[in-house]
Every structure is written in C-alpha cells, then in structure tokens.
Amino acid sequence: MIMRPAQILEPAGLSISQSPVIIKCGDYTYWSYTPSTNDLVLVVVAFDSNNQEVKRWEVPGYRYTLDIGIDNQNRTVVFYMWQKAPNYPNGSYPVSLTWDELRIN
C-alpha cells in the first residue's frame, strides 16, 4: 500500500525525498532517501512497527525521489527519480526493485 506518513523518519546522514510517500507492507514501512551529502544514490530504508531501521538498500546513479509506484503485474516497487548520473539531467527516471529484493526475512 502506498501512503503518506504521519511522522517523518530521517536516519542520520539521509534526507527525506521531496515527495514523502512510503510503502507499507505487513509490519514494515519502506522510505526513500538521498544522502545528506547529495551523492547520486537512492537509499531505501525499511522500518519495523517500532520505527527501528531493519534493512537498507542502495542504488547508485540516482537521487531525489519524485514518487513511488507499485507494479503488481511485475511484482516491483518503482521509484521515480529526479536526477540520474552521469550528466544529471532532470526528469523522471524509473528505478525498480522487485518484491523479492525488498523482502526482509
């Protein structure tokens, strides 16, 4: 389920995306971040029901999440990113992670 959070979680060294949309799946919420250093890295962080970080994924070459979508047919979560390496053009670049890749257990 895609939703807007009631409370913003921001781990040290990470900045929340421009569009704070999160994914809720079971006991976990998945958040999209960019490093505070503005490095070109999409950081996805899963939190448990106590707001404790349980897992983190990094996808180099992108930063600034515009939106998040779910593709049920292909079983992926799609992060639409504002910038992409190497020449930093602005746009909407889809980055997909499969449900299996985002699995906690």
PDB file of N, CA and C in Angstrom:
ATOM      1  N   MET A   1       0.843  -1.164   0.000  1.00  0.00           N
ATOM      2  CA  MET A   1       0.000   0.000   0.000  1.00  0.00           C
ATOM      3  C   MET A   1       0.900   1.243   0.000  1.00  0.00           C
ATOM      4  N   ILE A   2       0.569   2.213  -0.830  1.00  0.00           N
ATOM      5  CA  ILE A   2       1.283   3.486  -0.867  1.00  0.00           C
ATOM      6  C   ILE A   2       0.539   4.463   0.031  1.00  0.00           C
ATOM      7  N   MET A   3       1.292   5.213   0.846  1.00  0.00           N
ATOM      8  CA  MET A   3       0.653   6.145   1.764  1.00  0.00           C
ATOM      9  C   MET A   3       1.570   7.315   2.080  1.00  0.00           C
ATOM     10  N   ARG A   4       1.031   8.321   2.720  1.00  0.00           N
ATOM     11  CA  ARG A   4       1.815   9.451   3.216  1.00  0.00           C
ATOM     12  C   ARG A   4       1.991   9.256   4.714  1.00  0.00           C
ATOM     13  N   PRO A   5       3.212   9.431   5.204  1.00  0.00           N
ATOM     14  CA  PRO A   5       3.468   9.177   6.619  1.00  0.00           C
ATOM     15  C   PRO A   5       2.914  10.270   7.526  1.00  0.00           C
ATOM     16  N   ALA A   6       2.505   9.864   8.732  1.00  0.00           N
ATOM     17  CA  ALA A   6       2.064  10.833   9.736  1.00  0.00           C
ATOM     18  C   ALA A   6       3.270  11.458  10.419  1.00  0.00           C
ATOM     19  N   GLN A   7       4.352  10.700  10.503  1.00  0.00           N
ATOM     20  CA  GLN A   7       5.578  11.154  11.149  1.00  0.00           C
ATOM     21  C   GLN A   7       6.733  10.912  10.182  1.00  0.00           C
ATOM     22  N   ILE A   8       7.636  11.871  10.065  1.00  0.00           N
ATOM     23  CA  ILE A   8       8.788  11.733   9.172  1.00  0.00           C
ATOM     24  C   ILE A   8       9.937  11.072   9.927  1.00  0.00           C
ATOM     25  N   LEU A   9      10.479   9.995   9.370  1.00  0.00           N
ATOM     26  CA  LEU A   9      11.651   9.324   9.924  1.00  0.00           C
ATOM     27  C   LEU A   9      12.849   9.702   9.072  1.00  0.00           C
ATOM     28  N   GLU A  10      13.903  10.184   9.709  1.00  0.00           N
ATOM     29  CA  GLU A  10      15.072  10.641   8.955  1.00  0.00           C
ATOM     30  C   GLU A  10      16.350  10.164   9.647  1.00  0.00           C
ATOM     31  N   PRO A  11      16.879   8.988   9.234  1.00  0.00           N
ATOM     32  CA  PRO A  11      18.117   8.489   9.827  1.00  0.00           C
ATOM     33  C   PRO A  11      19.276   9.453   9.599  1.00  0.00           C
ATOM     34  N   ALA A  12      20.267   9.391  10.471  1.00  0.00           N
ATOM     35  CA  ALA A  12      21.442  10.260  10.367  1.00  0.00           C
ATOM     36  C   ALA A  12      22.099  10.100   9.002  1.00  0.00           C
ATOM     37  N   GLY A  13      22.448  11.223   8.390  1.00  0.00           N
ATOM     38  CA  GLY A  13      23.138  11.220   7.112  1.00  0.00           C
ATOM     39  C   GLY A  13      22.245  11.092   5.899  1.00  0.00           C
ATOM     40  N   LEU A  14      20.918  11.016   6.108  1.00  0.00           N
ATOM     41  CA  LEU A  14      19.990  10.877   4.990  1.00  0.00           C
ATOM     42  C   LEU A  14      18.967  11.998   5.010  1.00  0.00           C
ATOM     43  N   SER A  15      18.541  12.419   3.831  1.00  0.00           N
ATOM     44  CA  SER A  15      17.496  13.436   3.688  1.00  0.00           C
ATOM     45  C   SER A  15      16.277  12.789   3.049  1.00  0.00           C
ATOM     46  N   ILE A  16      15.107  13.112   3.574  1.00  0.00           N
ATOM     47  CA  ILE A  16      13.867  12.551   3.047  1.00  0.00           C
ATOM     48  C   ILE A  16      13.654  13.054   1.623  1.00  0.00           C
ATOM     49  N   SER A  17      13.005  12.240   0.822  1.00  0.00           N
ATOM     50  CA  SER A  17      12.733  12.631  -0.555  1.00  0.00           C
ATOM     51  C   SER A  17      11.797  13.830  -0.602  1.00  0.00           C
ATOM     52  N   GLN A  18      11.757  14.490  -1.756  1.00  0.00           N
ATOM     53  CA  GLN A  18      10.902  15.667  -1.937  1.00  0.00           C
ATOM     54  C   GLN A  18       9.436  15.309  -1.754  1.00  0.00           C
ATOM     55  N   SER A  19       9.078  14.117  -2.108  1.00  0.00           N
ATOM     56  CA  SER A  19       7.697  13.649  -2.003  1.00  0.00           C
ATOM     57  C   SER A  19       7.663  12.522  -0.978  1.00  0.00           C
ATOM     58  N   PRO A  20       7.354  12.826   0.287  1.00  0.00           N
ATOM     59  CA  PRO A  20       7.430  11.787   1.316  1.00  0.00           C
ATOM     60  C   PRO A  20       6.300  10.767   1.202  1.00  0.00           C
ATOM     61  N   VAL A  21       6.425   9.907   0.206  1.00  0.00           N
ATOM     62  CA  VAL A  21       5.483   8.814   0.014  1.00  0.00           C
ATOM     63  C   VAL A  21       6.201   7.552   0.468  1.00  0.00           C
ATOM     64  N   ILE A  22       5.500   6.686   1.186  1.00  0.00           N
ATOM     65  CA  ILE A  22       6.124   5.469   1.677  1.00  0.00           C
ATOM     66  C   ILE A  22       5.309   4.260   1.238  1.00  0.00           C
ATOM     67  N   ILE A  23       5.948   3.100   1.322  1.00  0.00           N
ATOM     68  CA  ILE A  23       5.286   1.834   1.038  1.00  0.00           C
ATOM     69  C   ILE A  23       5.074   1.122   2.366  1.00  0.00           C
ATOM     70  N   LYS A  24       3.877   0.639   2.592  1.00  0.00           N
ATOM     71  CA  LYS A  24       3.555  -0.147   3.784  1.00  0.00           C
ATOM     72  C   LYS A  24       3.302  -1.571   3.332  1.00  0.00           C
ATOM     73  N   CYS A  25       4.049  -2.517   3.914  1.00  0.00           N
ATOM     74  CA  CYS A  25       3.880  -3.929   3.578  1.00  0.00           C
ATOM     75  C   CYS A  25       4.022  -4.745   4.858  1.00  0.00           C
ATOM     76  N   GLY A  26       2.931  -5.304   5.319  1.00  0.00           N
ATOM     77  CA  GLY A  26       2.960  -6.054   6.569  1.00  0.00           C
ATOM     78  C   GLY A  26       3.343  -5.152   7.728  1.00  0.00           C
ATOM     79  N   ASP A  27       4.349  -5.575   8.488  1.00  0.00           N
ATOM     80  CA  ASP A  27       4.811  -4.804   9.646  1.00  0.00           C
ATOM     81  C   ASP A  27       5.838  -3.742   9.279  1.00  0.00           C
ATOM     82  N   TYR A  28       6.178  -3.602   8.009  1.00  0.00           N
ATOM     83  CA  TYR A  28       7.276  -2.725   7.605  1.00  0.00           C
ATOM     84  C   TYR A  28       6.806  -1.552   6.758  1.00  0.00           C
ATOM     85  N   THR A  29       7.520  -0.440   6.898  1.00  0.00           N
ATOM     86  CA  THR A  29       7.342   0.699   6.001  1.00  0.00           C
ATOM     87  C   THR A  29       8.668   0.930   5.294  1.00  0.00           C
ATOM     88  N   TYR A  30       8.585   1.267   4.017  1.00  0.00           N
ATOM     89  CA  TYR A  30       9.764   1.486   3.179  1.00  0.00           C
ATOM     90  C   TYR A  30       9.802   2.955   2.790  1.00  0.00           C
ATOM     91  N   TRP A  31      10.931   3.589   3.064  1.00  0.00           N
ATOM     92  CA  TRP A  31      11.115   5.014   2.817  1.00  0.00           C
ATOM     93  C   TRP A  31      12.221   5.218   1.794  1.00  0.00           C
ATOM     94  N   SER A  32      12.127   6.301   1.039  1.00  0.00           N
ATOM     95  CA  SER A  32      13.124   6.656   0.029  1.00  0.00           C
ATOM     96  C   SER A  32      13.901   7.882   0.499  1.00  0.00           C
ATOM     97  N   TYR A  33      15.226   7.793   0.409  1.00  0.00           N
ATOM     98  CA  TYR A  33      16.092   8.890   0.852  1.00  0.00           C
ATOM     99  C   TYR A  33      17.184   9.171  -0.175  1.00  0.00           C
ATOM    100  N   THR A  34      17.800  10.337  -0.021  1.00  0.00           N
ATOM    101  CA  THR A  34      19.031  10.710  -0.703  1.00  0.00           C
ATOM    102  C   THR A  34      20.031  11.059   0.391  1.00  0.00           C
ATOM    103  N   PRO A  35      21.310  10.659   0.261  1.00  0.00           N
ATOM    104  CA  PRO A  35      22.275  11.039   1.289  1.00  0.00           C
ATOM    105  C   PRO A  35      22.314  12.558   1.479  1.00  0.00           C
ATOM    106  N   SER A  36      22.528  12.999   2.712  1.00  0.00           N
ATOM    107  CA  SER A  36      22.610  14.434   3.015  1.00  0.00           C
ATOM    108  C   SER A  36      23.731  15.110   2.243  1.00  0.00           C
ATOM    109  N   THR A  37      24.703  14.329   1.791  1.00  0.00           N
ATOM    110  CA  THR A  37      25.817  14.854   1.004  1.00  0.00           C
ATOM    111  C   THR A  37      25.435  15.088  -0.453  1.00  0.00           C
ATOM    112  N   ASN A  38      24.181  14.756  -0.812  1.00  0.00           N
ATOM    113  CA  ASN A  38      23.667  14.868  -2.184  1.00  0.00           C
ATOM    114  C   ASN A  38      24.351  13.927  -3.163  1.00  0.00           C
ATOM    115  N   ASP A  39      24.966  12.864  -2.662  1.00  0.00           N
ATOM    116  CA  ASP A  39      25.542  11.858  -3.551  1.00  0.00           C
ATOM    117  C   ASP A  39      24.436  11.271  -4.421  1.00  0.00           C
ATOM    118  N   LEU A  40      24.803  10.794  -5.589  1.00  0.00           N
ATOM    119  CA  LEU A  40      23.841  10.178  -6.502  1.00  0.00           C
ATOM    120  C   LEU A  40      23.587   8.734  -6.077  1.00  0.00           C
ATOM    121  N   VAL A  41      22.765   8.591  -5.047  1.00  0.00           N
ATOM    122  CA  VAL A  41      22.419   7.271  -4.526  1.00  0.00           C
ATOM    123  C   VAL A  41      20.974   7.303  -4.045  1.00  0.00           C
ATOM    124  N   LEU A  42      20.167   6.388  -4.548  1.00  0.00           N
ATOM    125  CA  LEU A  42      18.836   6.156  -3.997  1.00  0.00           C
ATOM    126  C   LEU A  42      19.027   5.224  -2.813  1.00  0.00           C
ATOM    127  N   VAL A  43      18.559   5.637  -1.648  1.00  0.00           N
ATOM    128  CA  VAL A  43      18.635   4.807  -0.445  1.00  0.00           C
ATOM    129  C   VAL A  43      17.208   4.469  -0.024  1.00  0.00           C
ATOM    130  N   VAL A  44      16.904   3.186   0.047  1.00  0.00           N
ATOM    131  CA  VAL A  44      15.597   2.721   0.513  1.00  0.00           C
ATOM    132  C   VAL A  44      15.821   2.085   1.879  1.00  0.00           C
ATOM    133  N   VAL A  45      15.036   2.517   2.858  1.00  0.00           N
ATOM    134  CA  VAL A  45      15.185   2.018   4.222  1.00  0.00           C
ATOM    135  C   VAL A  45      13.858   1.421   4.679  1.00  0.00           C
ATOM    136  N   ALA A  46      13.926   0.220   5.260  1.00  0.00           N
ATOM    137  CA  ALA A  46      12.743  -0.420   5.839  1.00  0.00           C
ATOM    138  C   ALA A  46      12.770  -0.232   7.349  1.00  0.00           C
ATOM    139  N   PHE A  47      11.616   0.145   7.901  1.00  0.00           N
ATOM    140  CA  PHE A  47      11.458   0.310   9.346  1.00  0.00           C
ATOM    141  C   PHE A  47      10.400  -0.664   9.835  1.00  0.00           C
ATOM    142  N   ASP A  48      10.583  -1.149  11.072  1.00  0.00           N
ATOM    143  CA  ASP A  48       9.566  -2.013  11.665  1.00  0.00           C
ATOM    144  C   ASP A  48       8.483  -1.165  12.327  1.00  0.00           C
ATOM    145  N   SER A  49       7.542  -1.819  12.991  1.00  0.00           N
ATOM    146  CA  SER A  49       6.414  -1.102  13.596  1.00  0.00           C
ATOM    147  C   SER A  49       6.828  -0.219  14.766  1.00  0.00           C
ATOM    148  N   ASN A  50       8.068  -0.391  15.268  1.00  0.00           N
ATOM    149  CA  ASN A  50       8.606   0.465  16.331  1.00  0.00           C
ATOM    150  C   ASN A  50       9.492   1.576  15.777  1.00  0.00           C
ATOM    151  N   ASN A  51       9.438   1.784  14.467  1.00  0.00           N
ATOM    152  CA  ASN A  51      10.245   2.797  13.774  1.00  0.00           C
ATOM    153  C   ASN A  51      11.748   2.550  13.898  1.00  0.00           C
ATOM    154  N   GLN A  52      12.131   1.288  13.999  1.00  0.00           N
ATOM    155  CA  GLN A  52      13.538   0.909  14.034  1.00  0.00           C
ATOM    156  C   GLN A  52      13.959   0.451  12.640  1.00  0.00           C
ATOM    157  N   GLU A  53      15.105   0.944  12.181  1.00  0.00           N
ATOM    158  CA  GLU A  53      15.605   0.529  10.871  1.00  0.00           C
ATOM    159  C   GLU A  53      15.966  -0.954  10.912  1.00  0.00           C
ATOM    160  N   VAL A  54      15.471  -1.711   9.924  1.00  0.00           N
ATOM    161  CA  VAL A  54      15.767  -3.143   9.879  1.00  0.00           C
ATOM    162  C   VAL A  54      16.589  -3.543   8.655  1.00  0.00           C
ATOM    163  N   LYS A  55      16.520  -2.756   7.596  1.00  0.00           N
ATOM    164  CA  LYS A  55      17.298  -3.076   6.400  1.00  0.00           C
ATOM    165  C   LYS A  55      17.399  -1.842   5.515  1.00  0.00           C
ATOM    166  N   ARG A  56      18.486  -1.816   4.717  1.00  0.00           N
ATOM    167  CA  ARG A  56      18.746  -0.676   3.835  1.00  0.00           C
ATOM    168  C   ARG A  56      19.252  -1.187   2.489  1.00  0.00           C
ATOM    169  N   TRP A  57      18.785  -0.553   1.416  1.00  0.00           N
ATOM    170  CA  TRP A  57      19.239  -0.861   0.057  1.00  0.00           C
ATOM    171  C   TRP A  57      19.761   0.430  -0.560  1.00  0.00           C
ATOM    172  N   GLU A  58      20.812   0.322  -1.380  1.00  0.00           N
ATOM    173  CA  GLU A  58      21.363   1.492  -2.071  1.00  0.00           C
ATOM    174  C   GLU A  58      21.462   1.197  -3.559  1.00  0.00           C
ATOM    175  N   VAL A  59      20.982   2.152  -4.358  1.00  0.00           N
ATOM    176  CA  VAL A  59      21.052   2.047  -5.817  1.00  0.00           C
ATOM    177  C   VAL A  59      21.820   3.268  -6.310  1.00  0.00           C
ATOM    178  N   PRO A  60      23.069   3.094  -6.754  1.00  0.00           N
ATOM    179  CA  PRO A  60      23.859   4.240  -7.205  1.00  0.00           C
ATOM    180  C   PRO A  60      23.354   4.803  -8.528  1.00  0.00           C
ATOM    181  N   GLY A  61      23.629   6.098  -8.731  1.00  0.00           N
ATOM    182  CA  GLY A  61      23.337   6.732 -10.013  1.00  0.00           C
ATOM    183  C   GLY A  61      22.079   7.570 -10.056  1.00  0.00           C
ATOM    184  N   TYR A  62      21.351   7.663  -8.957  1.00  0.00           N
ATOM    185  CA  TYR A  62      20.091   8.416  -8.933  1.00  0.00           C
ATOM    186  C   TYR A  62      19.966   9.181  -7.622  1.00  0.00           C
ATOM    187  N   ARG A  63      19.189  10.271  -7.660  1.00  0.00           N
ATOM    188  CA  ARG A  63      18.861  10.961  -6.410  1.00  0.00           C
ATOM    189  C   ARG A  63      17.545  11.717  -6.554  1.00  0.00           C
ATOM    190  N   TYR A  64      16.950  12.015  -5.424  1.00  0.00           N
ATOM    191  CA  TYR A  64      15.714  12.796  -5.293  1.00  0.00           C
ATOM    192  C   TYR A  64      14.498  12.058  -5.851  1.00  0.00           C
ATOM    193  N   THR A  65      13.841  11.313  -5.005  1.00  0.00           N
ATOM    194  CA  THR A  65      12.632  10.591  -5.397  1.00  0.00           C
ATOM    195  C   THR A  65      11.472  11.550  -5.587  1.00  0.00           C
ATOM    196  N   LEU A  66      10.825  11.465  -6.739  1.00  0.00           N
ATOM    197  CA  LEU A  66       9.632  12.267  -7.018  1.00  0.00           C
ATOM    198  C   LEU A  66       8.360  11.562  -6.574  1.00  0.00           C
ATOM    199  N   ASP A  67       8.328  10.245  -6.772  1.00  0.00           N
ATOM    200  CA  ASP A  67       7.126   9.483  -6.465  1.00  0.00           C
ATOM    201  C   ASP A  67       7.499   8.007  -6.367  1.00  0.00           C
ATOM    202  N   ILE A  68       6.578   7.225  -5.836  1.00  0.00           N
ATOM    203  CA  ILE A  68       6.760   5.782  -5.723  1.00  0.00           C
ATOM    204  C   ILE A  68       5.501   5.117  -6.260  1.00  0.00           C
ATOM    205  N   GLY A  69       5.689   4.047  -7.010  1.00  0.00           N
ATOM    206  CA  GLY A  69       4.549   3.297  -7.524  1.00  0.00           C
ATOM    207  C   GLY A  69       4.730   1.809  -7.292  1.00  0.00           C
ATOM    208  N   ILE A  70       3.649   1.076  -7.387  1.00  0.00           N
ATOM    209  CA  ILE A  70       3.693  -0.378  -7.268  1.00  0.00           C
ATOM    210  C   ILE A  70       3.212  -0.973  -8.582  1.00  0.00           C
ATOM    211  N   ASP A  71       4.009  -1.880  -9.129  1.00  0.00           N
ATOM    212  CA  ASP A  71       3.651  -2.600 -10.347  1.00  0.00           C
ATOM    213  C   ASP A  71       3.310  -4.031  -9.937  1.00  0.00           C
ATOM    214  N   ASN A  72       2.023  -4.300  -9.724  1.00  0.00           N
ATOM    215  CA  ASN A  72       1.594  -5.622  -9.259  1.00  0.00           C
ATOM    216  C   ASN A  72       1.875  -6.718 -10.278  1.00  0.00           C
ATOM    217  N   GLN A  73       1.750  -6.405 -11.556  1.00  0.00           N
ATOM    218  CA  GLN A  73       1.960  -7.412 -12.593  1.00  0.00           C
ATOM    219  C   GLN A  73       3.403  -7.913 -12.588  1.00  0.00           C
ATOM    220  N   ASN A  74       4.361  -6.982 -12.476  1.00  0.00           N
ATOM    221  CA  ASN A  74       5.775  -7.358 -12.487  1.00  0.00           C
ATOM    222  C   ASN A  74       6.351  -7.547 -11.090  1.00  0.00           C
ATOM    223  N   ARG A  75       5.509  -7.363 -10.065  1.00  0.00           N
ATOM    224  CA  ARG A  75       5.914  -7.536  -8.669  1.00  0.00           C
ATOM    225  C   ARG A  75       7.126  -6.677  -8.325  1.00  0.00           C
ATOM    226  N   THR A  76       6.999  -5.378  -8.621  1.00  0.00           N
ATOM    227  CA  THR A  76       8.079  -4.439  -8.327  1.00  0.00           C
ATOM    228  C   THR A  76       7.532  -3.190  -7.648  1.00  0.00           C
ATOM    229  N   VAL A  77       8.437  -2.514  -6.955  1.00  0.00           N
ATOM    230  CA  VAL A  77       8.188  -1.165  -6.459  1.00  0.00           C
ATOM    231  C   VAL A  77       9.026  -0.255  -7.346  1.00  0.00           C
ATOM    232  N   VAL A  78       8.412   0.789  -7.890  1.00  0.00           N
ATOM    233  CA  VAL A  78       9.098   1.685  -8.819  1.00  0.00           C
ATOM    234  C   VAL A  78       9.292   3.042  -8.147  1.00  0.00           C
ATOM    235  N   PHE A  79      10.546   3.468  -8.079  1.00  0.00           N
ATOM    236  CA  PHE A  79      10.899   4.778  -7.542  1.00  0.00           C
ATOM    237  C   PHE A  79      11.180   5.692  -8.730  1.00  0.00           C
ATOM    238  N   TYR A  80      10.453   6.784  -8.836  1.00  0.00           N
ATOM    239  CA  TYR A  80      10.640   7.734  -9.933  1.00  0.00           C
ATOM    240  C   TYR A  80      11.594   8.816  -9.455  1.00  0.00           C
ATOM    241  N   MET A  81      12.785   8.836 -10.054  1.00  0.00           N
ATOM    242  CA  MET A  81      13.877   9.683  -9.580  1.00  0.00           C
ATOM    243  C   MET A  81      14.024  10.937 -10.435  1.00  0.00           C
ATOM    244  N   TRP A  82      14.428  12.038  -9.796  1.00  0.00           N
ATOM    245  CA  TRP A  82      14.560  13.334 -10.453  1.00  0.00           C
ATOM    246  C   TRP A  82      15.858  13.466 -11.229  1.00  0.00           C
ATOM    247  N   GLN A  83      16.957  12.934 -10.703  1.00  0.00           N
ATOM    248  CA  GLN A  83      18.242  13.068 -11.390  1.00  0.00           C
ATOM    249  C   GLN A  83      18.913  11.715 -11.555  1.00  0.00           C
ATOM    250  N   LYS A  84      19.691  11.625 -12.634  1.00  0.00           N
ATOM    251  CA  LYS A  84      20.366  10.387 -12.992  1.00  0.00           C
ATOM    252  C   LYS A  84      21.792  10.708 -13.431  1.00  0.00           C
ATOM    253  N   ALA A  85      22.748   9.857 -13.048  1.00  0.00           N
ATOM    254  CA  ALA A  85      24.131  10.019 -13.495  1.00  0.00           C
ATOM    255  C   ALA A  85      24.223   9.552 -14.945  1.00  0.00           C
ATOM    256  N   PRO A  86      25.191   9.957 -15.733  1.00  0.00           N
ATOM    257  CA  PRO A  86      26.333  10.764 -15.334  1.00  0.00           C
ATOM    258  C   PRO A  86      26.166  12.262 -15.570  1.00  0.00           C
ATOM    259  N   ASN A  87      25.197  12.690 -16.341  1.00  0.00           N
ATOM    260  CA  ASN A  87      25.151  14.119 -16.694  1.00  0.00           C
ATOM    261  C   ASN A  87      24.055  14.889 -15.965  1.00  0.00           C
ATOM    262  N   TYR A  88      23.397  14.283 -15.010  1.00  0.00           N
ATOM    263  CA  TYR A  88      22.444  14.939 -14.114  1.00  0.00           C
ATOM    264  C   TYR A  88      21.255  15.614 -14.780  1.00  0.00           C
ATOM    265  N   PRO A  89      20.728  15.126 -15.893  1.00  0.00           N
ATOM    266  CA  PRO A  89      19.550  15.789 -16.455  1.00  0.00           C
ATOM    267  C   PRO A  89      18.344  15.576 -15.544  1.00  0.00           C
ATOM    268  N   ASN A  90      17.513  16.584 -15.437  1.00  0.00           N
ATOM    269  CA  ASN A  90      16.301  16.451 -14.635  1.00  0.00           C
ATOM    270  C   ASN A  90      15.237  15.734 -15.446  1.00  0.00           C
ATOM    271  N   GLY A  91      14.425  14.963 -14.776  1.00  0.00           N
ATOM    272  CA  GLY A  91      13.380  14.224 -15.470  1.00  0.00           C
ATOM    273  C   GLY A  91      12.643  13.330 -14.501  1.00  0.00           C
ATOM    274  N   SER A  92      12.196  12.208 -14.983  1.00  0.00           N
ATOM    275  CA  SER A  92      11.527  11.214 -14.149  1.00  0.00           C
ATOM    276  C   SER A  92      12.042   9.850 -14.577  1.00  0.00           C
ATOM    277  N   TYR A  93      12.999   9.335 -13.834  1.00  0.00           N
ATOM    278  CA  TYR A  93      13.664   8.089 -14.183  1.00  0.00           C
ATOM    279  C   TYR A  93      13.167   6.964 -13.282  1.00  0.00           C
ATOM    280  N   PRO A  94      12.554   5.921 -13.850  1.00  0.00           N
ATOM    281  CA  PRO A  94      12.063   4.822 -13.021  1.00  0.00           C
ATOM    282  C   PRO A  94      13.196   3.888 -12.591  1.00  0.00           C
ATOM    283  N   VAL A  95      13.218   3.575 -11.310  1.00  0.00           N
ATOM    284  CA  VAL A  95      14.152   2.606 -10.746  1.00  0.00           C
ATOM    285  C   VAL A  95      13.299   1.544 -10.060  1.00  0.00           C
ATOM    286  N   SER A  96      13.387   0.309 -10.531  1.00  0.00           N
ATOM    287  CA  SER A  96      12.541  -0.762  -9.999  1.00  0.00           C
ATOM    288  C   SER A  96      13.331  -1.698  -9.099  1.00  0.00           C
ATOM    289  N   LEU A  97      12.718  -2.047  -7.982  1.00  0.00           N
ATOM    290  CA  LEU A  97      13.233  -3.089  -7.100  1.00  0.00           C
ATOM    291  C   LEU A  97      12.121  -4.128  -6.970  1.00  0.00           C
ATOM    292  N   THR A  98      12.483  -5.392  -7.121  1.00  0.00           N
ATOM    293  CA  THR A  98      11.463  -6.438  -7.040  1.00  0.00           C
ATOM    294  C   THR A  98      11.029  -6.648  -5.600  1.00  0.00           C
ATOM    295  N   TRP A  99       9.863  -7.252  -5.460  1.00  0.00           N
ATOM    296  CA  TRP A  99       9.369  -7.567  -4.122  1.00  0.00           C
ATOM    297  C   TRP A  99      10.345  -8.504  -3.416  1.00  0.00           C
ATOM    298  N   ASP A 100      10.950  -9.430  -4.170  1.00  0.00           N
ATOM    299  CA  ASP A 100      11.926 -10.340  -3.567  1.00  0.00           C
ATOM    300  C   ASP A 100      13.161  -9.586  -3.080  1.00  0.00           C
ATOM    301  N   GLU A 101      13.613  -8.591  -3.855  1.00  0.00           N
ATOM    302  CA  GLU A 101      14.768  -7.794  -3.423  1.00  0.00           C
ATOM    303  C   GLU A 101      14.472  -7.029  -2.140  1.00  0.00           C
ATOM    304  N   LEU A 102      13.237  -6.604  -1.973  1.00  0.00           N
ATOM    305  CA  LEU A 102      12.860  -5.814  -0.802  1.00  0.00           C
ATOM    306  C   LEU A 102      12.364  -6.665   0.364  1.00  0.00           C
ATOM    307  N   ARG A 103      12.451  -7.949   0.231  1.00  0.00           N
ATOM    308  CA  ARG A 103      11.988  -8.854   1.293  1.00  0.00           C
ATOM    309  C   ARG A 103      12.889  -8.712   2.523  1.00  0.00           C
ATOM    310  N   ILE A 104      12.281  -8.711   3.693  1.00  0.00           N
ATOM    311  CA  ILE A 104      13.032  -8.579   4.944  1.00  0.00           C
ATOM    312  C   ILE A 104      13.518  -9.935   5.434  1.00  0.00           C
ATOM    313  N   ASN A 105      12.665 -10.920   5.451  1.00  0.00           N
ATOM    314  CA  ASN A 105      13.038 -12.237   6.005  1.00  0.00           C
ATOM    315  C   ASN A 105      13.477 -13.186   4.927  1.00  0.00           C
TER     316      ASN A 105
END
